[in-house]
Amino acid sequence: MALMITDECINCDVCEPECPNEAISPGDEIYEIDPDLCTECVGHYETSQCVEVCPVDCIPLDPNHQETQEELMEKYKILTANK
């Protein structure tokens, strides 16, 4: 699954620089996660870095973008192939 940011976000700016896939960006009101770029840090780290640094615990799994660990790893490989 990709992650999502809920409206409990306080725009503290700590999650965006932690994302190795650059999936997090400022939205109209709160930060947003692009599900096409989010791998939950699979391939980069053991845990999702944005979740680790979030002070208000507003980054749950996105039920609209369910993916297995294998699918997340494949996405990671595709995203990092040209880097």
C-alpha atoms as a PDB file:
ATOM      1  CA  MET A   1       0.000   0.000   0.000  1.00  0.00           C
ATOM      2  CA  ALA A   2       1.064   3.528  -0.531  1.00  0.00           C
ATOM      3  CA  LEU A   3       0.850   5.910   2.362  1.00  0.00           C
ATOM      4  CA  MET A   4      -1.376   8.964   2.651  1.00  0.00           C
ATOM      5  CA  ILE A   5      -1.379  12.126   4.731  1.00  0.00           C
ATOM      6  CA  THR A   6      -4.570  12.911   6.626  1.00  0.00           C
ATOM      7  CA  ASP A   7      -6.045  16.317   7.378  1.00  0.00           C
ATOM      8  CA  GLU A   8      -4.454  16.114  10.821  1.00  0.00           C
ATOM      9  CA  CYS A   9      -1.226  17.248   9.124  1.00  0.00           C
ATOM     10  CA  ILE A  10       0.191  20.415  10.696  1.00  0.00           C
ATOM     11  CA  ASN A  11       2.483  21.274   7.738  1.00  0.00           C
ATOM     12  CA  CYS A  12       5.594  20.970   9.880  1.00  0.00           C
ATOM     13  CA  ASP A  13       7.752  20.255   6.796  1.00  0.00           C
ATOM     14  CA  VAL A  14       9.657  17.308   8.300  1.00  0.00           C
ATOM     15  CA  CYS A  15       8.275  14.527   6.075  1.00  0.00           C
ATOM     16  CA  GLU A  16       9.039  15.923   2.616  1.00  0.00           C
ATOM     17  CA  PRO A  17      12.862  15.848   2.806  1.00  0.00           C
ATOM     18  CA  GLU A  18      12.806  12.351   4.339  1.00  0.00           C
ATOM     19  CA  CYS A  19      11.130  10.716   1.324  1.00  0.00           C
ATOM     20  CA  PRO A  20      13.736   8.943  -0.838  1.00  0.00           C
ATOM     21  CA  ASN A  21      11.329   8.780  -3.794  1.00  0.00           C
ATOM     22  CA  GLU A  22      10.285  12.450  -3.657  1.00  0.00           C
ATOM     23  CA  ALA A  23       6.675  11.293  -3.343  1.00  0.00           C
ATOM     24  CA  ILE A  24       5.731  13.975  -0.797  1.00  0.00           C
ATOM     25  CA  SER A  25       4.924  17.508  -1.870  1.00  0.00           C
ATOM     26  CA  PRO A  26       2.986  20.492  -0.544  1.00  0.00           C
ATOM     27  CA  GLY A  27      -0.692  20.330  -1.463  1.00  0.00           C
ATOM     28  CA  ASP A  28      -3.289  23.081  -1.359  1.00  0.00           C
ATOM     29  CA  GLU A  29      -3.756  22.776   2.398  1.00  0.00           C
ATOM     30  CA  ILE A  30      -1.565  19.905   3.621  1.00  0.00           C
ATOM     31  CA  TYR A  31       1.258  17.784   2.307  1.00  0.00           C
ATOM     32  CA  GLU A  32       0.317  15.044  -0.154  1.00  0.00           C
ATOM     33  CA  ILE A  33       1.842  11.700  -1.123  1.00  0.00           C
ATOM     34  CA  ASP A  34       1.883  10.632  -4.769  1.00  0.00           C
ATOM     35  CA  PRO A  35       0.879   6.936  -4.652  1.00  0.00           C
ATOM     36  CA  ASP A  36       2.707   6.318  -7.937  1.00  0.00           C
ATOM     37  CA  LEU A  37       5.980   7.268  -6.249  1.00  0.00           C
ATOM     38  CA  CYS A  38       5.409   5.933  -2.722  1.00  0.00           C
ATOM     39  CA  THR A  39       7.015   2.578  -1.932  1.00  0.00           C
ATOM     40  CA  GLU A  40       6.661   2.925   1.859  1.00  0.00           C
ATOM     41  CA  CYS A  41      10.463   3.196   1.677  1.00  0.00           C
ATOM     42  CA  VAL A  42      10.692  -0.462   0.561  1.00  0.00           C
ATOM     43  CA  GLY A  43      14.088  -0.843  -1.090  1.00  0.00           C
ATOM     44  CA  HIS A  44      15.501   2.145   0.765  1.00  0.00           C
ATOM     45  CA  TYR A  45      14.803   1.611   4.482  1.00  0.00           C
ATOM     46  CA  GLU A  46      13.275  -0.912   6.867  1.00  0.00           C
ATOM     47  CA  THR A  47      10.560   1.547   7.925  1.00  0.00           C
ATOM     48  CA  SER A  48       8.677   4.394   6.276  1.00  0.00           C
ATOM     49  CA  GLN A  49      10.768   7.448   7.024  1.00  0.00           C
ATOM     50  CA  CYS A  50       7.916   9.963   6.853  1.00  0.00           C
ATOM     51  CA  VAL A  51       5.974   7.961   9.444  1.00  0.00           C
ATOM     52  CA  GLU A  52       9.059   7.857  11.675  1.00  0.00           C
ATOM     53  CA  VAL A  53       9.481  11.655  11.729  1.00  0.00           C
ATOM     54  CA  CYS A  54       5.826  12.741  11.758  1.00  0.00           C
ATOM     55  CA  PRO A  55       5.078  14.411  15.108  1.00  0.00           C
ATOM     56  CA  VAL A  56       1.283  14.049  14.841  1.00  0.00           C
ATOM     57  CA  ASP A  57       0.951  10.496  13.487  1.00  0.00           C
ATOM     58  CA  CYS A  58      -1.055  11.500  10.406  1.00  0.00           C
ATOM     59  CA  ILE A  59       0.472   9.154   7.793  1.00  0.00           C
ATOM     60  CA  PRO A  60      -1.467   5.879   7.626  1.00  0.00           C
ATOM     61  CA  LEU A  61      -1.654   3.305   4.848  1.00  0.00           C
ATOM     62  CA  ASP A  62      -3.830   4.434   1.941  1.00  0.00           C
ATOM     63  CA  PRO A  63      -6.677   1.911   1.566  1.00  0.00           C
ATOM     64  CA  ASN A  64      -7.238   3.107  -2.020  1.00  0.00           C
ATOM     65  CA  HIS A  65      -3.745   2.029  -3.100  1.00  0.00           C
ATOM     66  CA  GLN A  66      -3.168  -1.483  -1.824  1.00  0.00           C
ATOM     67  CA  GLU A  67       0.115  -3.107  -2.832  1.00  0.00           C
ATOM     68  CA  THR A  68       2.035  -6.136  -1.614  1.00  0.00           C
ATOM     69  CA  GLN A  69       5.647  -5.932  -0.459  1.00  0.00           C
ATOM     70  CA  GLU A  70       6.624  -7.540  -3.771  1.00  0.00           C
ATOM     71  CA  GLU A  71       4.726  -4.895  -5.751  1.00  0.00           C
ATOM     72  CA  LEU A  72       6.360  -2.138  -3.705  1.00  0.00           C
ATOM     73  CA  MET A  73       9.790  -3.647  -4.413  1.00  0.00           C
ATOM     74  CA  GLU A  74       9.023  -3.764  -8.146  1.00  0.00           C
ATOM     75  CA  LYS A  75       7.947  -0.111  -8.033  1.00  0.00           C
ATOM     76  CA  TYR A  76      11.187   0.723  -6.201  1.00  0.00           C
ATOM     77  CA  LYS A  77      13.232  -1.035  -8.912  1.00  0.00           C
ATOM     78  CA  ILE A  78      11.418   0.880 -11.659  1.00  0.00           C
ATOM     79  CA  LEU A  79      11.780   4.225  -9.869  1.00  0.00           C
ATOM     80  CA  THR A  80      15.493   3.756  -9.190  1.00  0.00           C
ATOM     81  CA  ALA A  81      16.466   2.152 -12.508  1.00  0.00           C
ATOM     82  CA  ASN A  82      17.480   5.450 -14.089  1.00  0.00           C
ATOM     83  CA  LYS A  83      19.263   6.918 -11.075  1.00  0.00           C
END
